[in-house]
Amino acid sequence: MRIKTLTVTQVTDYIKRILSSDPILYNLKVEGELSNVKEHGSGHIYFTLKDKNTKINCIMFKGNSEKLKMPLSNGMKVVVSGYISVYERDGQYQLYASQIDEVGLGNLHLAFEELKRKLEKEGLFDPANKKPLPKLPKKIGIVTSTTGAVIKDIITVIKRRYPYVHLLIYPSLVQGPEAPASISKAIEHFNRSNNVEVIILARGGGSLEELWAFNEEIVARSIYNSNIPIISAVGHETDFTISDFVADVRANTPSTAAELVLPNFYDCKNYINILNKRLHNSLNKKVDESRRKLKYLRNNYYLKYPLNRIYNEKQHLDRIHRELIKIISTRVDMAKNNLKYKAEQLNSLSPLSILSRGYSITCTENNEIIKGIDSVKVNDTINIHYLDGQALCKVVEVKEEGIYSESKKL
């Protein structure tokens, strides 16, 4: 039998017809775990469906993806309905999905959620434990692979933004079973040497499995125990790892981390120039003001002739002194006159003053003043006080009506 020679396109078309005509492959359901989920700008969704032994590439077109009841994420365990066919350009068979139903979380997704709940309960995600980034670090530590594009992107961005910073790169595995220990060792190295001010933990995008090293507990605890602030820059914007939650700052991409950790050099330079101009203007203003004050002081009369100022002040002091003496003297004279007047009033009311005018004071034997005839009776002994002495007398008569009334004799 002669074997016919076919072109690559003919072979691909033949395989496609065979797959399309197979009743099982044309309408089937496949259970597996999602990986490498990527949503294209066109609305199509590309992903890989896998189990522990193998995997198959899949695509869901926009018309079907719009009907999805839940967002797809790496690690989800699903049942995909659709058909198997060949993608002619690459000559690869793939599953064209028409419907996706979630049947449970995949093992990796379950492990991710379990560790996340555990560490969150312990407080490793608490914002209060986050360390602030330095304003302008002089030395930056970078933990990543030296063979990928990530380190080149970081260096390019940093050189563009602030070329004078010192970078210390610790080569580390970022994928595979030995990666978690390698990453943890790098973080501990920078903390022991204490020669950097901030650490960037970086890796490019990938599937859940490829990024899994950053979901290991040993890495999470190394980040949390670090005395140096750490920026987690793992994967793309839609990728989240445990490291992102524990780190002090999360960056969407490694390039974003390089922008976060340093200001733009030219912005800083422009700002310094602005401050320099402000300082220069302020100093000029201060100097001009001081010159005006100096000119004024030079033309000041009293500074030119300081003795005149002293003489004028002395005259002013003498005038105040004379006025003060005059006021005090007037006040003293007024006080003396007032005291003299009060003394005269007091003296006029004194009993001695009354006696000096020829009057006398009559008292009982007990020296009680007799104010009227009701206080005496005949044969009472009374004491009459004069200015220069006293006389002891006996009452022989009491007149009730005064000196012209009849006498009463006992």
Protein backbone atom coordinates (compact mmCIF):
# COMPACT_ATOMS: atom_id res chain seq x y z
CA MET A 1 0.00 0.00 0.00
CA ARG A 2 1.36 3.35 -1.04
CA ILE A 3 1.56 5.91 1.82
CA LYS A 4 0.23 9.32 0.79
CA THR A 5 2.28 12.36 1.73
CA LEU A 6 0.23 15.01 3.53
CA THR A 7 0.93 18.58 4.47
CA VAL A 8 0.90 19.75 8.09
CA THR A 9 -2.38 21.54 7.46
CA GLN A 10 -3.95 18.40 5.96
CA VAL A 11 -2.88 16.33 8.96
CA THR A 12 -4.24 18.93 11.37
CA ASP A 13 -7.55 19.15 9.52
CA TYR A 14 -7.85 15.36 9.49
CA ILE A 15 -7.26 15.12 13.25
CA LYS A 16 -9.75 17.93 13.83
CA ARG A 17 -12.43 16.07 11.80
CA ILE A 18 -11.80 12.86 13.75
CA LEU A 19 -12.09 14.66 17.10
CA SER A 20 -15.19 16.52 15.99
CA SER A 21 -16.88 13.34 14.84
CA ASP A 22 -16.22 11.49 18.09
CA PRO A 23 -19.48 11.51 20.11
CA ILE A 24 -17.64 11.44 23.44
CA LEU A 25 -15.11 14.18 22.70
CA TYR A 26 -17.66 16.41 21.01
CA ASN A 27 -19.86 16.66 24.11
CA LEU A 28 -18.13 15.87 27.39
CA LYS A 29 -17.60 17.03 30.97
CA VAL A 30 -14.13 17.11 32.50
CA GLU A 31 -13.37 17.53 36.20
CA GLY A 32 -10.13 19.11 37.33
CA GLU A 33 -8.41 22.03 39.03
CA LEU A 34 -8.06 25.46 37.41
CA SER A 35 -4.64 26.89 36.81
CA ASN A 36 -3.11 29.74 34.74
CA VAL A 37 -6.46 31.55 34.57
CA LYS A 38 -6.13 34.59 32.30
CA GLU A 39 -8.93 36.83 31.06
CA HIS A 40 -8.12 38.46 27.72
CA GLY A 41 -9.17 41.97 26.80
CA SER A 42 -11.49 40.47 24.16
CA GLY A 43 -13.50 38.77 26.92
CA HIS A 44 -12.17 35.27 26.20
CA ILE A 45 -10.82 33.28 29.17
CA TYR A 46 -7.76 31.06 28.82
CA PHE A 47 -6.94 28.49 31.50
CA THR A 48 -5.47 25.07 32.22
CA LEU A 49 -7.45 22.17 33.66
CA LYS A 50 -5.31 19.67 35.54
CA ASP A 51 -5.22 16.75 37.90
CA LYS A 52 -2.28 15.10 39.66
CA ASN A 53 -1.13 13.33 36.47
CA THR A 54 -1.68 15.66 33.53
CA LYS A 55 -3.26 18.86 32.24
CA ILE A 56 -5.14 20.21 29.24
CA ASN A 57 -5.33 23.73 27.81
CA CYS A 58 -8.78 25.27 27.68
CA ILE A 59 -10.54 28.32 26.28
CA MET A 60 -13.95 29.85 26.94
CA PHE A 61 -15.14 32.41 24.40
CA LYS A 62 -16.74 35.71 25.44
CA GLY A 63 -20.29 34.58 24.63
CA ASN A 64 -20.02 31.80 27.20
CA SER A 65 -17.77 33.60 29.73
CA GLU A 66 -20.41 36.33 30.18
CA LYS A 67 -22.80 33.65 31.49
CA LEU A 68 -20.46 32.50 34.27
CA LYS A 69 -22.03 32.65 37.73
CA MET A 70 -18.72 33.10 39.58
CA PRO A 71 -15.26 34.52 38.87
CA LEU A 72 -12.61 31.95 38.06
CA SER A 73 -9.44 31.73 40.11
CA ASN A 74 -6.47 29.44 40.29
CA GLY A 75 -6.98 26.41 42.49
CA MET A 76 -10.73 26.10 42.00
CA LYS A 77 -12.01 22.58 41.44
CA VAL A 78 -14.53 22.61 38.59
CA VAL A 79 -16.40 20.57 36.02
CA VAL A 80 -15.95 21.97 32.51
CA SER A 81 -18.54 21.18 29.84
CA GLY A 82 -17.55 21.49 26.20
CA TYR A 83 -15.83 19.72 23.31
CA ILE A 84 -12.30 18.76 22.26
CA SER A 85 -10.88 20.20 19.05
CA VAL A 86 -7.59 21.27 17.50
CA TYR A 87 -6.20 24.81 17.43
CA GLU A 88 -4.85 24.81 13.86
CA ARG A 89 -2.14 27.43 14.29
CA ASP A 90 -0.28 25.53 17.02
CA GLY A 91 -1.49 22.05 16.12
CA GLN A 92 -2.57 21.45 19.71
CA TYR A 93 -5.78 20.00 20.95
CA GLN A 94 -7.68 21.91 23.64
CA LEU A 95 -10.96 21.92 25.43
CA TYR A 96 -13.45 24.54 24.23
CA ALA A 97 -15.57 25.26 27.32
CA SER A 98 -19.24 26.17 27.11
CA GLN A 99 -20.00 25.94 30.83
CA ILE A 100 -18.01 25.79 34.08
CA ASP A 101 -19.45 24.62 37.39
CA GLU A 102 -17.58 24.75 40.70
CA VAL A 103 -17.56 21.46 42.60
CA GLY A 104 -15.27 22.48 45.41
CA LEU A 105 -11.92 24.08 46.12
CA GLY A 106 -8.77 22.44 44.82
CA ASN A 107 -6.13 21.19 47.21
CA LEU A 108 -3.85 24.19 46.74
CA HIS A 109 -6.72 26.61 47.14
CA LEU A 110 -7.84 24.82 50.29
CA ALA A 111 -4.30 24.96 51.70
CA PHE A 112 -4.10 28.67 50.81
CA GLU A 113 -7.35 29.52 52.61
CA GLU A 114 -6.47 27.40 55.63
CA LEU A 115 -3.06 29.06 56.11
CA LYS A 116 -4.56 32.49 55.48
CA ARG A 117 -7.17 31.98 58.25
CA LYS A 118 -4.50 30.65 60.64
CA LEU A 119 -2.06 33.52 60.15
CA GLU A 120 -4.79 36.14 60.21
CA LYS A 121 -6.03 34.77 63.53
CA GLU A 122 -2.47 35.04 64.92
CA GLY A 123 -2.33 38.71 63.89
CA LEU A 124 0.27 38.43 61.12
CA PHE A 125 -1.91 40.56 58.82
CA ASP A 126 -2.68 43.24 61.42
CA PRO A 127 -2.04 46.75 59.97
CA ALA A 128 -0.75 47.82 63.39
CA ASN A 129 2.27 45.56 62.85
CA LYS A 130 3.17 47.07 59.48
CA LYS A 131 6.48 48.95 59.39
CA PRO A 132 6.68 52.21 57.42
CA LEU A 133 8.97 52.42 54.40
CA PRO A 134 11.99 54.73 54.63
CA LYS A 135 11.57 58.04 52.82
CA LEU A 136 14.84 57.84 50.88
CA PRO A 137 16.74 54.58 51.45
CA LYS A 138 20.42 54.52 50.61
CA LYS A 139 20.61 50.72 50.42
CA ILE A 140 17.90 48.38 49.12
CA GLY A 141 17.92 44.60 49.40
CA ILE A 142 16.34 42.56 46.61
CA VAL A 143 15.36 38.91 46.97
CA THR A 144 14.61 37.32 43.59
CA SER A 145 16.01 35.15 40.85
CA THR A 146 18.91 36.66 38.93
CA THR A 147 18.02 34.81 35.72
CA GLY A 148 14.58 36.24 34.97
CA ALA A 149 13.35 39.54 33.61
CA VAL A 150 12.20 40.68 37.06
CA ILE A 151 15.60 41.79 38.34
CA LYS A 152 16.28 43.63 35.08
CA ASP A 153 12.97 45.47 35.33
CA ILE A 154 13.65 46.50 38.93
CA ILE A 155 17.16 47.73 38.17
CA THR A 156 15.93 49.64 35.11
CA VAL A 157 13.19 51.41 37.06
CA ILE A 158 15.47 52.24 40.00
CA LYS A 159 18.23 53.59 37.74
CA ARG A 160 15.68 55.76 36.00
CA ARG A 161 14.07 57.05 39.20
CA TYR A 162 17.06 57.36 41.54
CA PRO A 163 20.40 56.15 40.13
CA TYR A 164 22.43 56.89 43.27
CA VAL A 165 20.93 54.17 45.47
CA HIS A 166 22.95 51.07 46.38
CA LEU A 167 21.31 47.73 45.48
CA LEU A 168 22.19 44.47 47.27
CA ILE A 169 20.82 41.46 45.41
CA TYR A 170 20.44 38.11 47.13
CA PRO A 171 19.95 35.39 44.46
CA SER A 172 17.09 33.16 45.52
CA LEU A 173 14.96 30.38 44.14
CA VAL A 174 11.43 31.64 43.53
CA GLN A 175 9.79 28.43 42.33
CA GLY A 176 9.90 24.78 43.30
CA PRO A 177 10.10 22.80 46.54
CA GLU A 178 13.39 24.38 47.66
CA ALA A 179 12.25 27.96 47.03
CA PRO A 180 10.53 28.64 50.42
CA ALA A 181 13.70 27.83 52.39
CA SER A 182 15.80 29.86 49.95
CA ILE A 183 13.54 32.92 50.30
CA SER A 184 13.44 32.62 54.08
CA LYS A 185 17.23 32.36 54.22
CA ALA A 186 17.61 35.52 52.12
CA ILE A 187 15.34 37.54 54.43
CA GLU A 188 17.19 36.30 57.52
CA HIS A 189 20.55 37.18 55.88
CA PHE A 190 19.58 40.80 55.36
CA ASN A 191 18.30 41.03 58.94
CA ARG A 192 21.52 39.59 60.35
CA SER A 193 23.79 41.82 58.29
CA ASN A 194 21.51 44.81 58.84
CA ASN A 195 23.03 46.58 55.84
CA VAL A 196 19.83 47.52 53.98
CA GLU A 197 16.92 49.77 54.90
CA VAL A 198 14.18 48.01 52.93
CA ILE A 199 13.75 44.64 51.18
CA ILE A 200 11.93 43.95 47.89
CA LEU A 201 10.66 40.38 47.58
CA ALA A 202 9.98 39.92 43.88
CA ARG A 203 8.84 37.38 41.30
CA GLY A 204 7.11 37.61 37.93
CA GLY A 205 3.66 36.30 37.14
CA GLY A 206 2.74 32.63 36.98
CA SER A 207 0.21 30.01 37.91
CA LEU A 208 -0.84 29.21 41.45
CA GLU A 209 1.65 26.35 41.50
CA GLU A 210 4.49 28.52 40.22
CA LEU A 211 3.82 31.18 42.86
CA TRP A 212 3.23 28.67 45.64
CA ALA A 213 6.59 29.26 47.36
CA PHE A 214 5.22 32.64 48.49
CA ASN A 215 2.23 30.88 50.10
CA GLU A 216 4.37 28.77 52.43
CA GLU A 217 4.25 29.39 56.18
CA ILE A 218 8.06 29.55 56.55
CA VAL A 219 8.19 32.51 54.16
CA ALA A 220 5.25 34.25 55.84
CA ARG A 221 6.85 34.01 59.28
CA SER A 222 10.23 35.21 58.00
CA ILE A 223 8.54 38.29 56.56
CA TYR A 224 6.63 38.93 59.80
CA ASN A 225 9.74 38.51 61.98
CA SER A 226 11.86 40.82 59.81
CA ASN A 227 13.06 44.01 61.48
CA ILE A 228 13.47 45.54 58.03
CA PRO A 229 10.33 46.63 56.14
CA ILE A 230 9.48 44.34 53.22
CA ILE A 231 7.64 45.02 49.96
CA SER A 232 5.97 41.96 48.42
CA ALA A 233 5.97 42.19 44.62
CA VAL A 234 4.88 38.76 43.46
CA GLY A 235 3.08 38.05 40.20
CA HIS A 236 0.69 40.38 38.44
CA GLU A 237 -2.01 42.71 39.76
CA THR A 238 -4.60 39.92 40.00
CA ASP A 239 -2.25 37.52 41.80
CA PHE A 240 -2.43 37.42 45.60
CA THR A 241 -0.14 35.39 47.84
CA ILE A 242 0.19 34.96 51.60
CA SER A 243 3.36 37.05 51.36
CA ASP A 244 1.28 39.99 50.13
CA PHE A 245 -0.86 39.91 53.27
CA VAL A 246 2.07 39.60 55.71
CA ALA A 247 4.41 42.11 54.04
CA ASP A 248 4.50 45.72 55.15
CA VAL A 249 3.54 46.88 51.64
CA ARG A 250 2.16 45.00 48.64
CA ALA A 251 3.12 46.06 45.10
CA ASN A 252 1.12 44.93 42.07
CA THR A 253 4.27 44.13 40.14
CA PRO A 254 8.05 44.18 40.74
CA SER A 255 8.30 47.38 38.67
CA THR A 256 5.69 49.01 40.90
CA ALA A 257 7.74 48.02 43.96
CA ALA A 258 10.75 49.85 42.51
CA GLU A 259 8.58 52.94 42.09
CA LEU A 260 7.16 52.69 45.60
CA VAL A 261 10.49 52.34 47.37
CA LEU A 262 12.15 55.43 45.84
CA PRO A 263 11.06 58.92 44.83
CA ASN A 264 11.84 60.25 41.38
CA PHE A 265 15.33 61.78 41.42
CA TYR A 266 14.39 64.60 39.08
CA ASP A 267 11.29 65.43 41.12
CA CYS A 268 13.52 65.60 44.20
CA LYS A 269 16.03 67.75 42.33
CA ASN A 270 13.31 70.14 41.19
CA TYR A 271 11.91 70.32 44.71
CA ILE A 272 15.39 71.08 46.11
CA ASN A 273 15.80 73.83 43.51
CA ILE A 274 12.47 75.31 44.57
CA LEU A 275 13.53 75.22 48.23
CA ASN A 276 16.88 76.76 47.28
CA LYS A 277 15.12 79.65 45.53
CA ARG A 278 12.81 80.16 48.50
CA LEU A 279 15.79 80.19 50.86
CA HIS A 280 17.70 82.62 48.61
CA ASN A 281 14.70 84.95 48.39
CA SER A 282 14.14 84.76 52.12
CA LEU A 283 17.79 85.58 52.87
CA ASN A 284 17.75 88.50 50.43
CA LYS A 285 14.61 89.82 52.04
CA LYS A 286 16.16 89.49 55.49
CA VAL A 287 19.35 91.25 54.37
CA ASP A 288 17.38 94.11 52.79
CA GLU A 289 15.34 94.51 55.95
CA SER A 290 18.49 94.55 58.08
CA ARG A 291 20.03 97.18 55.80
CA ARG A 292 16.98 99.41 56.19
CA LYS A 293 17.15 99.04 59.96
CA LEU A 294 20.86 99.84 59.94
CA LYS A 295 20.28 102.94 57.83
CA TYR A 296 17.56 104.09 60.21
CA LEU A 297 19.77 103.51 63.23
CA ARG A 298 22.64 105.41 61.66
CA ASN A 299 20.38 108.46 61.19
CA ASN A 300 18.83 108.23 64.64
CA TYR A 301 19.43 111.44 66.65
CA TYR A 302 19.94 109.75 70.00
CA LEU A 303 22.33 107.17 68.62
CA LYS A 304 24.39 109.97 67.10
CA TYR A 305 24.33 111.99 70.33
CA PRO A 306 23.78 109.55 73.18
CA LEU A 307 24.67 112.11 75.93
CA ASN A 308 21.80 114.30 74.79
CA ARG A 309 19.45 111.42 75.38
CA ILE A 310 20.85 111.01 78.90
CA TYR A 311 20.56 114.74 79.59
CA ASN A 312 16.93 114.86 78.39
CA GLU A 313 16.05 111.85 80.48
CA LYS A 314 17.76 113.41 83.51
CA GLN A 315 15.71 116.59 83.09
CA HIS A 316 12.58 114.56 82.82
CA LEU A 317 13.52 112.64 85.97
CA ASP A 318 14.23 115.90 87.87
CA ARG A 319 10.86 117.33 86.88
CA ILE A 320 9.08 114.18 88.05
CA HIS A 321 11.06 114.31 91.32
CA ARG A 322 10.01 117.91 92.00
CA GLU A 323 6.39 117.16 91.24
CA LEU A 324 6.51 114.14 93.50
CA ILE A 325 7.98 116.19 96.40
CA LYS A 326 5.29 118.83 95.90
CA ILE A 327 2.51 116.27 95.89
CA ILE A 328 3.86 114.54 99.01
CA SER A 329 4.20 117.89 100.84
CA THR A 330 0.66 118.90 99.95
CA ARG A 331 -0.67 115.56 101.10
CA VAL A 332 1.20 115.86 104.44
CA ASP A 333 -0.13 119.42 105.06
CA MET A 334 -3.66 118.30 104.35
CA ALA A 335 -3.24 115.38 106.74
CA LYS A 336 -1.87 117.70 109.46
CA ASN A 337 -4.78 120.14 109.14
CA ASN A 338 -7.29 117.34 109.22
CA LEU A 339 -5.65 115.87 112.31
CA LYS A 340 -5.68 119.26 114.02
CA TYR A 341 -9.37 119.73 113.27
CA LYS A 342 -10.23 116.26 114.59
CA ALA A 343 -8.19 116.92 117.77
CA GLU A 344 -10.05 120.17 118.39
CA GLN A 345 -13.39 118.42 117.95
CA LEU A 346 -12.31 115.67 120.29
CA ASN A 347 -11.04 118.18 122.87
CA SER A 348 -14.31 120.14 122.83
CA LEU A 349 -16.15 116.99 123.83
CA SER A 350 -13.72 116.12 126.61
CA PRO A 351 -15.02 116.38 130.26
CA LEU A 352 -11.83 118.19 131.18
CA SER A 353 -12.69 120.91 128.71
CA ILE A 354 -16.07 121.37 130.40
CA LEU A 355 -14.46 121.63 133.84
CA SER A 356 -12.00 124.24 132.58
CA ARG A 357 -14.90 126.53 131.79
CA GLY A 358 -16.09 126.53 135.48
CA TYR A 359 -18.41 123.61 135.42
CA SER A 360 -18.30 120.61 137.75
CA ILE A 361 -19.39 117.00 137.69
CA THR A 362 -21.47 115.56 140.51
CA CYS A 363 -21.23 111.86 141.33
CA THR A 364 -22.60 109.51 143.93
CA GLU A 365 -20.39 107.83 146.48
CA ASN A 366 -19.91 105.09 143.91
CA ASN A 367 -18.69 107.63 141.33
CA GLU A 368 -21.82 107.30 139.22
CA ILE A 369 -22.65 110.60 137.49
CA ILE A 370 -25.78 112.26 138.81
CA LYS A 371 -27.85 113.49 135.87
CA GLY A 372 -30.93 114.67 137.74
CA ILE A 373 -32.61 115.07 141.15
CA ASP A 374 -34.17 111.70 140.81
CA SER A 375 -30.77 110.21 141.51
CA VAL A 376 -30.35 111.92 144.92
CA LYS A 377 -32.22 112.47 148.11
CA VAL A 378 -31.68 114.40 151.30
CA ASN A 379 -28.75 113.20 153.47
CA ASP A 380 -27.08 111.49 150.48
CA THR A 381 -23.35 111.94 150.32
CA ILE A 382 -22.24 113.21 146.89
CA ASN A 383 -18.88 113.90 145.34
CA ILE A 384 -18.40 117.09 143.30
CA HIS A 385 -15.50 117.08 140.81
CA TYR A 386 -13.74 120.32 139.79
CA LEU A 387 -10.87 120.92 137.39
CA ASP A 388 -8.37 121.12 140.19
CA GLY A 389 -9.94 118.75 142.77
CA GLN A 390 -13.14 117.42 144.33
CA ALA A 391 -15.44 118.07 147.30
CA LEU A 392 -17.41 115.59 149.40
CA CYS A 393 -20.85 117.05 150.30
CA LYS A 394 -24.08 116.06 151.99
CA VAL A 395 -27.50 116.83 150.47
CA VAL A 396 -29.61 118.99 152.79
CA GLU A 397 -32.31 119.94 150.34
CA VAL A 398 -33.68 118.73 146.95
CA LYS A 399 -35.56 121.13 144.68
CA GLU A 400 -37.75 119.34 142.17
CA GLU A 401 -38.75 122.40 140.09
CA GLY A 402 -35.41 123.94 139.55
CA ILE A 403 -33.72 126.85 141.29
CA TYR A 404 -36.91 128.92 141.60
CA SER A 405 -39.19 126.16 142.98
CA GLU A 406 -39.93 125.57 146.60
CA SER A 407 -37.38 123.68 148.64
CA LYS A 408 -38.14 120.37 150.15
CA LYS A 409 -36.71 119.91 153.60
CA LEU A 410 -36.51 116.72 155.54
